[in-house]
Amino acid sequence: VSKKDAKDVTVVIKEGKYREVRRLFEAFGYDVRKLDRTVFAGISHSGMKRGDVRTLTPIEVRRLKRLVGIEESYR
């Protein structure tokens, strides 16, 4: 729970299923108005505004390839 705003909660899950976080909070009677995925597969949108895009770094590309089982053949 955020110290600035008690309505701002951070939840860390390893694997999210269909609307899992939304359904969890709604089951306890909370009205979920906004969800924001801050990190996915080790890639963060830190410092970006809604609608911004950026190029992945070479490290992020390698990490994603490793996650899906694609190895770079030229190494």
PDB file of N, CA and C in Angstrom:
ATOM      1  N   VAL A   1       0.853  -1.170   0.000  1.00  0.00           N
ATOM      2  CA  VAL A   1       0.000   0.000   0.000  1.00  0.00           C
ATOM      3  C   VAL A   1       0.899   1.233   0.000  1.00  0.00           C
ATOM      4  N   SER A   2       0.601   2.161  -0.886  1.00  0.00           N
ATOM      5  CA  SER A   2       1.396   3.377  -1.005  1.00  0.00           C
ATOM      6  C   SER A   2       1.256   4.255   0.234  1.00  0.00           C
ATOM      7  N   LYS A   3       2.361   4.844   0.660  1.00  0.00           N
ATOM      8  CA  LYS A   3       2.317   5.760   1.795  1.00  0.00           C
ATOM      9  C   LYS A   3       1.640   7.069   1.414  1.00  0.00           C
ATOM     10  N   LYS A   4       1.685   7.432   0.129  1.00  0.00           N
ATOM     11  CA  LYS A   4       1.066   8.674  -0.339  1.00  0.00           C
ATOM     12  C   LYS A   4      -0.441   8.538  -0.494  1.00  0.00           C
ATOM     13  N   ASP A   5      -0.893   7.350  -0.965  1.00  0.00           N
ATOM     14  CA  ASP A   5      -2.311   7.152  -1.242  1.00  0.00           C
ATOM     15  C   ASP A   5      -2.671   5.703  -0.927  1.00  0.00           C
ATOM     16  N   ALA A   6      -3.484   5.494   0.091  1.00  0.00           N
ATOM     17  CA  ALA A   6      -3.856   4.143   0.517  1.00  0.00           C
ATOM     18  C   ALA A   6      -4.645   3.393  -0.556  1.00  0.00           C
ATOM     19  N   LYS A   7      -5.129   4.116  -1.558  1.00  0.00           N
ATOM     20  CA  LYS A   7      -5.852   3.455  -2.648  1.00  0.00           C
ATOM     21  C   LYS A   7      -4.904   2.925  -3.717  1.00  0.00           C
ATOM     22  N   ASP A   8      -3.637   3.239  -3.595  1.00  0.00           N
ATOM     23  CA  ASP A   8      -2.611   2.805  -4.553  1.00  0.00           C
ATOM     24  C   ASP A   8      -1.896   1.595  -3.965  1.00  0.00           C
ATOM     25  N   VAL A   9      -2.101   0.437  -4.575  1.00  0.00           N
ATOM     26  CA  VAL A   9      -1.564  -0.815  -4.059  1.00  0.00           C
ATOM     27  C   VAL A   9      -0.685  -1.458  -5.120  1.00  0.00           C
ATOM     28  N   THR A  10       0.454  -1.985  -4.700  1.00  0.00           N
ATOM     29  CA  THR A  10       1.340  -2.712  -5.598  1.00  0.00           C
ATOM     30  C   THR A  10       1.214  -4.196  -5.294  1.00  0.00           C
ATOM     31  N   VAL A  11       0.983  -4.987  -6.333  1.00  0.00           N
ATOM     32  CA  VAL A  11       0.868  -6.437  -6.202  1.00  0.00           C
ATOM     33  C   VAL A  11       1.903  -7.055  -7.122  1.00  0.00           C
ATOM     34  N   VAL A  12       2.654  -8.011  -6.596  1.00  0.00           N
ATOM     35  CA  VAL A  12       3.653  -8.711  -7.396  1.00  0.00           C
ATOM     36  C   VAL A  12       3.193 -10.153  -7.559  1.00  0.00           C
ATOM     37  N   ILE A  13       3.019 -10.560  -8.812  1.00  0.00           N
ATOM     38  CA  ILE A  13       2.652 -11.947  -9.090  1.00  0.00           C
ATOM     39  C   ILE A  13       3.612 -12.496 -10.134  1.00  0.00           C
ATOM     40  N   LYS A  14       3.846 -13.791 -10.078  1.00  0.00           N
ATOM     41  CA  LYS A  14       4.781 -14.409 -11.007  1.00  0.00           C
ATOM     42  C   LYS A  14       4.105 -14.694 -12.348  1.00  0.00           C
ATOM     43  N   GLU A  15       2.864 -15.114 -12.295  1.00  0.00           N
ATOM     44  CA  GLU A  15       2.149 -15.432 -13.524  1.00  0.00           C
ATOM     45  C   GLU A  15       0.705 -15.001 -13.360  1.00  0.00           C
ATOM     46  N   GLY A  16       0.250 -14.132 -14.232  1.00  0.00           N
ATOM     47  CA  GLY A  16      -1.114 -13.646 -14.135  1.00  0.00           C
ATOM     48  C   GLY A  16      -2.039 -14.387 -15.077  1.00  0.00           C
ATOM     49  N   LYS A  17      -3.104 -14.879 -14.531  1.00  0.00           N
ATOM     50  CA  LYS A  17      -4.130 -15.529 -15.344  1.00  0.00           C
ATOM     51  C   LYS A  17      -5.191 -14.491 -15.698  1.00  0.00           C
ATOM     52  N   TYR A  18      -6.177 -14.907 -16.443  1.00  0.00           N
ATOM     53  CA  TYR A  18      -7.227 -14.027 -16.955  1.00  0.00           C
ATOM     54  C   TYR A  18      -7.812 -13.136 -15.858  1.00  0.00           C
ATOM     55  N   ARG A  19      -7.489 -11.858 -15.895  1.00  0.00           N
ATOM     56  CA  ARG A  19      -8.030 -10.840 -14.984  1.00  0.00           C
ATOM     57  C   ARG A  19      -7.889 -11.208 -13.510  1.00  0.00           C
ATOM     58  N   GLU A  20      -6.824 -11.927 -13.170  1.00  0.00           N
ATOM     59  CA  GLU A  20      -6.640 -12.443 -11.818  1.00  0.00           C
ATOM     60  C   GLU A  20      -6.603 -11.337 -10.758  1.00  0.00           C
ATOM     61  N   VAL A  21      -5.833 -10.308 -10.974  1.00  0.00           N
ATOM     62  CA  VAL A  21      -5.705  -9.248  -9.974  1.00  0.00           C
ATOM     63  C   VAL A  21      -7.028  -8.509  -9.823  1.00  0.00           C
ATOM     64  N   ARG A  22      -7.648  -8.163 -10.924  1.00  0.00           N
ATOM     65  CA  ARG A  22      -8.941  -7.469 -10.876  1.00  0.00           C
ATOM     66  C   ARG A  22      -9.975  -8.314 -10.125  1.00  0.00           C
ATOM     67  N   ARG A  23     -10.072  -9.581 -10.458  1.00  0.00           N
ATOM     68  CA  ARG A  23     -11.069 -10.452  -9.809  1.00  0.00           C
ATOM     69  C   ARG A  23     -10.767 -10.648  -8.326  1.00  0.00           C
ATOM     70  N   LEU A  24      -9.492 -10.721  -7.970  1.00  0.00           N
ATOM     71  CA  LEU A  24      -9.111 -10.877  -6.563  1.00  0.00           C
ATOM     72  C   LEU A  24      -9.595  -9.690  -5.732  1.00  0.00           C
ATOM     73  N   PHE A  25      -9.300  -8.485  -6.193  1.00  0.00           N
ATOM     74  CA  PHE A  25      -9.709  -7.292  -5.437  1.00  0.00           C
ATOM     75  C   PHE A  25     -11.223  -7.127  -5.431  1.00  0.00           C
ATOM     76  N   GLU A  26     -11.876  -7.409  -6.541  1.00  0.00           N
ATOM     77  CA  GLU A  26     -13.333  -7.287  -6.589  1.00  0.00           C
ATOM     78  C   GLU A  26     -14.009  -8.303  -5.672  1.00  0.00           C
ATOM     79  N   ALA A  27     -13.388  -9.477  -5.478  1.00  0.00           N
ATOM     80  CA  ALA A  27     -13.941 -10.482  -4.572  1.00  0.00           C
ATOM     81  C   ALA A  27     -13.971  -9.983  -3.131  1.00  0.00           C
ATOM     82  N   PHE A  28     -13.073  -9.071  -2.798  1.00  0.00           N
ATOM     83  CA  PHE A  28     -13.047  -8.485  -1.457  1.00  0.00           C
ATOM     84  C   PHE A  28     -13.811  -7.167  -1.387  1.00  0.00           C
ATOM     85  N   GLY A  29     -14.539  -6.839  -2.450  1.00  0.00           N
ATOM     86  CA  GLY A  29     -15.401  -5.672  -2.434  1.00  0.00           C
ATOM     87  C   GLY A  29     -14.759  -4.369  -2.880  1.00  0.00           C
ATOM     88  N   TYR A  30     -13.583  -4.441  -3.478  1.00  0.00           N
ATOM     89  CA  TYR A  30     -12.920  -3.226  -3.954  1.00  0.00           C
ATOM     90  C   TYR A  30     -13.317  -2.926  -5.395  1.00  0.00           C
ATOM     91  N   ASP A  31     -13.479  -1.664  -5.696  1.00  0.00           N
ATOM     92  CA  ASP A  31     -13.786  -1.215  -7.046  1.00  0.00           C
ATOM     93  C   ASP A  31     -12.460  -0.925  -7.755  1.00  0.00           C
ATOM     94  N   VAL A  32     -12.090  -1.768  -8.704  1.00  0.00           N
ATOM     95  CA  VAL A  32     -10.821  -1.612  -9.418  1.00  0.00           C
ATOM     96  C   VAL A  32     -11.052  -0.677 -10.588  1.00  0.00           C
ATOM     97  N   ARG A  33     -10.426   0.475 -10.557  1.00  0.00           N
ATOM     98  CA  ARG A  33     -10.618   1.468 -11.611  1.00  0.00           C
ATOM     99  C   ARG A  33      -9.473   1.509 -12.600  1.00  0.00           C
ATOM    100  N   LYS A  34      -8.286   1.115 -12.156  1.00  0.00           N
ATOM    101  CA  LYS A  34      -7.131   1.194 -13.046  1.00  0.00           C
ATOM    102  C   LYS A  34      -6.114   0.140 -12.650  1.00  0.00           C
ATOM    103  N   LEU A  35      -5.585  -0.554 -13.638  1.00  0.00           N
ATOM    104  CA  LEU A  35      -4.483  -1.483 -13.428  1.00  0.00           C
ATOM    105  C   LEU A  35      -3.346  -1.049 -14.326  1.00  0.00           C
ATOM    106  N   ASP A  36      -2.138  -1.157 -13.825  1.00  0.00           N
ATOM    107  CA  ASP A  36      -0.978  -0.748 -14.598  1.00  0.00           C
ATOM    108  C   ASP A  36       0.097  -1.810 -14.457  1.00  0.00           C
ATOM    109  N   ARG A  37       0.425  -2.491 -15.539  1.00  0.00           N
ATOM    110  CA  ARG A  37       1.491  -3.489 -15.512  1.00  0.00           C
ATOM    111  C   ARG A  37       2.804  -2.736 -15.673  1.00  0.00           C
ATOM    112  N   THR A  38       3.604  -2.731 -14.623  1.00  0.00           N
ATOM    113  CA  THR A  38       4.831  -1.927 -14.649  1.00  0.00           C
ATOM    114  C   THR A  38       6.026  -2.689 -15.197  1.00  0.00           C
ATOM    115  N   VAL A  39       6.021  -4.015 -15.066  1.00  0.00           N
ATOM    116  CA  VAL A  39       7.123  -4.834 -15.572  1.00  0.00           C
ATOM    117  C   VAL A  39       6.537  -6.072 -16.211  1.00  0.00           C
ATOM    118  N   PHE A  40       7.045  -6.427 -17.374  1.00  0.00           N
ATOM    119  CA  PHE A  40       6.634  -7.655 -18.043  1.00  0.00           C
ATOM    120  C   PHE A  40       7.876  -8.292 -18.646  1.00  0.00           C
ATOM    121  N   ALA A  41       8.163  -9.534 -18.276  1.00  0.00           N
ATOM    122  CA  ALA A  41       9.319 -10.277 -18.800  1.00  0.00           C
ATOM    123  C   ALA A  41      10.619  -9.494 -18.601  1.00  0.00           C
ATOM    124  N   GLY A  42      10.706  -8.791 -17.482  1.00  0.00           N
ATOM    125  CA  GLY A  42      11.916  -8.039 -17.187  1.00  0.00           C
ATOM    126  C   GLY A  42      12.020  -6.699 -17.883  1.00  0.00           C
ATOM    127  N   ILE A  43      10.984  -6.309 -18.605  1.00  0.00           N
ATOM    128  CA  ILE A  43      10.975  -5.031 -19.325  1.00  0.00           C
ATOM    129  C   ILE A  43      10.068  -4.071 -18.573  1.00  0.00           C
ATOM    130  N   SER A  44      10.598  -2.900 -18.246  1.00  0.00           N
ATOM    131  CA  SER A  44       9.874  -1.903 -17.468  1.00  0.00           C
ATOM    132  C   SER A  44       9.518  -0.703 -18.342  1.00  0.00           C
ATOM    133  N   HIS A  45       8.453  -0.034 -17.968  1.00  0.00           N
ATOM    134  CA  HIS A  45       8.101   1.205 -18.671  1.00  0.00           C
ATOM    135  C   HIS A  45       8.418   2.419 -17.797  1.00  0.00           C
ATOM    136  N   SER A  46       9.335   2.241 -16.893  1.00  0.00           N
ATOM    137  CA  SER A  46       9.732   3.306 -15.979  1.00  0.00           C
ATOM    138  C   SER A  46      10.156   4.563 -16.738  1.00  0.00           C
ATOM    139  N   GLY A  47       9.627   5.697 -16.338  1.00  0.00           N
ATOM    140  CA  GLY A  47       9.982   6.966 -16.952  1.00  0.00           C
ATOM    141  C   GLY A  47       9.230   7.275 -18.235  1.00  0.00           C
ATOM    142  N   MET A  48       8.337   6.384 -18.643  1.00  0.00           N
ATOM    143  CA  MET A  48       7.589   6.602 -19.884  1.00  0.00           C
ATOM    144  C   MET A  48       6.177   7.076 -19.554  1.00  0.00           C
ATOM    145  N   LYS A  49       5.615   7.863 -20.439  1.00  0.00           N
ATOM    146  CA  LYS A  49       4.232   8.306 -20.300  1.00  0.00           C
ATOM    147  C   LYS A  49       3.349   7.361 -21.105  1.00  0.00           C
ATOM    148  N   ARG A  50       2.064   7.363 -20.774  1.00  0.00           N
ATOM    149  CA  ARG A  50       1.106   6.542 -21.506  1.00  0.00           C
ATOM    150  C   ARG A  50       1.180   6.887 -22.997  1.00  0.00           C
ATOM    151  N   GLY A  51       1.306   5.868 -23.832  1.00  0.00           N
ATOM    152  CA  GLY A  51       1.373   6.067 -25.276  1.00  0.00           C
ATOM    153  C   GLY A  51       2.786   6.166 -25.828  1.00  0.00           C
ATOM    154  N   ASP A  52       3.783   6.338 -24.940  1.00  0.00           N
ATOM    155  CA  ASP A  52       5.171   6.390 -25.396  1.00  0.00           C
ATOM    156  C   ASP A  52       5.624   5.021 -25.886  1.00  0.00           C
ATOM    157  N   VAL A  53       6.567   5.019 -26.794  1.00  0.00           N
ATOM    158  CA  VAL A  53       7.197   3.784 -27.263  1.00  0.00           C
ATOM    159  C   VAL A  53       8.708   3.963 -27.181  1.00  0.00           C
ATOM    160  N   ARG A  54       9.412   2.848 -27.133  1.00  0.00           N
ATOM    161  CA  ARG A  54      10.870   2.902 -27.130  1.00  0.00           C
ATOM    162  C   ARG A  54      11.405   1.618 -27.752  1.00  0.00           C
ATOM    163  N   THR A  55      12.646   1.672 -28.190  1.00  0.00           N
ATOM    164  CA  THR A  55      13.311   0.502 -28.735  1.00  0.00           C
ATOM    165  C   THR A  55      13.855  -0.333 -27.584  1.00  0.00           C
ATOM    166  N   LEU A  56      13.716  -1.644 -27.684  1.00  0.00           N
ATOM    167  CA  LEU A  56      14.267  -2.523 -26.656  1.00  0.00           C
ATOM    168  C   LEU A  56      15.781  -2.487 -26.700  1.00  0.00           C
ATOM    169  N   THR A  57      16.396  -2.615 -25.539  1.00  0.00           N
ATOM    170  CA  THR A  57      17.851  -2.672 -25.485  1.00  0.00           C
ATOM    171  C   THR A  57      18.301  -4.061 -25.941  1.00  0.00           C
ATOM    172  N   PRO A  58      19.553  -4.202 -26.378  1.00  0.00           N
ATOM    173  CA  PRO A  58      20.052  -5.532 -26.762  1.00  0.00           C
ATOM    174  C   PRO A  58      19.922  -6.558 -25.628  1.00  0.00           C
ATOM    175  N   ILE A  59      20.103  -6.133 -24.403  1.00  0.00           N
ATOM    176  CA  ILE A  59      19.960  -7.047 -23.261  1.00  0.00           C
ATOM    177  C   ILE A  59      18.517  -7.528 -23.142  1.00  0.00           C
ATOM    178  N   GLU A  60      17.549  -6.618 -23.316  1.00  0.00           N
ATOM    179  CA  GLU A  60      16.135  -6.999 -23.243  1.00  0.00           C
ATOM    180  C   GLU A  60      15.779  -7.976 -24.361  1.00  0.00           C
ATOM    181  N   VAL A  61      16.310  -7.748 -25.548  1.00  0.00           N
ATOM    182  CA  VAL A  61      16.038  -8.646 -26.675  1.00  0.00           C
ATOM    183  C   VAL A  61      16.594 -10.036 -26.382  1.00  0.00           C
ATOM    184  N   ARG A  62      17.831 -10.106 -25.880  1.00  0.00           N
ATOM    185  CA  ARG A  62      18.432 -11.402 -25.545  1.00  0.00           C
ATOM    186  C   ARG A  62      17.620 -12.118 -24.471  1.00  0.00           C
ATOM    187  N   ARG A  63      17.175 -11.364 -23.459  1.00  0.00           N
ATOM    188  CA  ARG A  63      16.377 -11.955 -22.386  1.00  0.00           C
ATOM    189  C   ARG A  63      15.066 -12.525 -22.926  1.00  0.00           C
ATOM    190  N   LEU A  64      14.397 -11.777 -23.786  1.00  0.00           N
ATOM    191  CA  LEU A  64      13.149 -12.267 -24.369  1.00  0.00           C
ATOM    192  C   LEU A  64      13.374 -13.509 -25.222  1.00  0.00           C
ATOM    193  N   LYS A  65      14.441 -13.505 -26.017  1.00  0.00           N
ATOM    194  CA  LYS A  65      14.751 -14.676 -26.836  1.00  0.00           C
ATOM    195  C   LYS A  65      15.007 -15.897 -25.964  1.00  0.00           C
ATOM    196  N   ARG A  66      15.727 -15.692 -24.863  1.00  0.00           N
ATOM    197  CA  ARG A  66      16.001 -16.790 -23.945  1.00  0.00           C
ATOM    198  C   ARG A  66      14.702 -17.305 -23.314  1.00  0.00           C
ATOM    199  N   LEU A  67      13.801 -16.397 -22.963  1.00  0.00           N
ATOM    200  CA  LEU A  67      12.533 -16.794 -22.338  1.00  0.00           C
ATOM    201  C   LEU A  67      11.677 -17.657 -23.253  1.00  0.00           C
ATOM    202  N   VAL A  68      11.720 -17.388 -24.556  1.00  0.00           N
ATOM    203  CA  VAL A  68      10.896 -18.154 -25.500  1.00  0.00           C
ATOM    204  C   VAL A  68      11.653 -19.274 -26.188  1.00  0.00           C
ATOM    205  N   GLY A  69      12.928 -19.451 -25.800  1.00  0.00           N
ATOM    206  CA  GLY A  69      13.697 -20.566 -26.339  1.00  0.00           C
ATOM    207  C   GLY A  69      14.349 -20.320 -27.681  1.00  0.00           C
ATOM    208  N   ILE A  70      14.548 -19.058 -28.038  1.00  0.00           N
ATOM    209  CA  ILE A  70      15.217 -18.726 -29.302  1.00  0.00           C
ATOM    210  C   ILE A  70      16.635 -18.316 -28.956  1.00  0.00           C
ATOM    211  N   GLU A  71      17.585 -19.073 -29.404  1.00  0.00           N
ATOM    212  CA  GLU A  71      18.989 -18.738 -29.160  1.00  0.00           C
ATOM    213  C   GLU A  71      19.558 -18.037 -30.393  1.00  0.00           C
ATOM    214  N   GLU A  72      20.428 -17.118 -30.176  1.00  0.00           N
ATOM    215  CA  GLU A  72      21.058 -16.417 -31.293  1.00  0.00           C
ATOM    216  C   GLU A  72      22.096 -17.335 -31.917  1.00  0.00           C
ATOM    217  N   SER A  73      21.981 -17.627 -33.208  1.00  0.00           N
ATOM    218  CA  SER A  73      22.795 -18.641 -33.866  1.00  0.00           C
ATOM    219  C   SER A  73      24.191 -18.159 -34.216  1.00  0.00           C
ATOM    220  N   TYR A  74      24.407 -16.862 -34.256  1.00  0.00           N
ATOM    221  CA  TYR A  74      25.704 -16.353 -34.684  1.00  0.00           C
ATOM    222  C   TYR A  74      26.716 -16.286 -33.549  1.00  0.00           C
ATOM    223  N   ARG A  75      26.375 -16.719 -32.387  1.00  0.00           N
ATOM    224  CA  ARG A  75      27.311 -16.667 -31.251  1.00  0.00           C
ATOM    225  C   ARG A  75      27.995 -17.971 -31.046  1.00  0.00           C
TER     226      ARG A  75
END
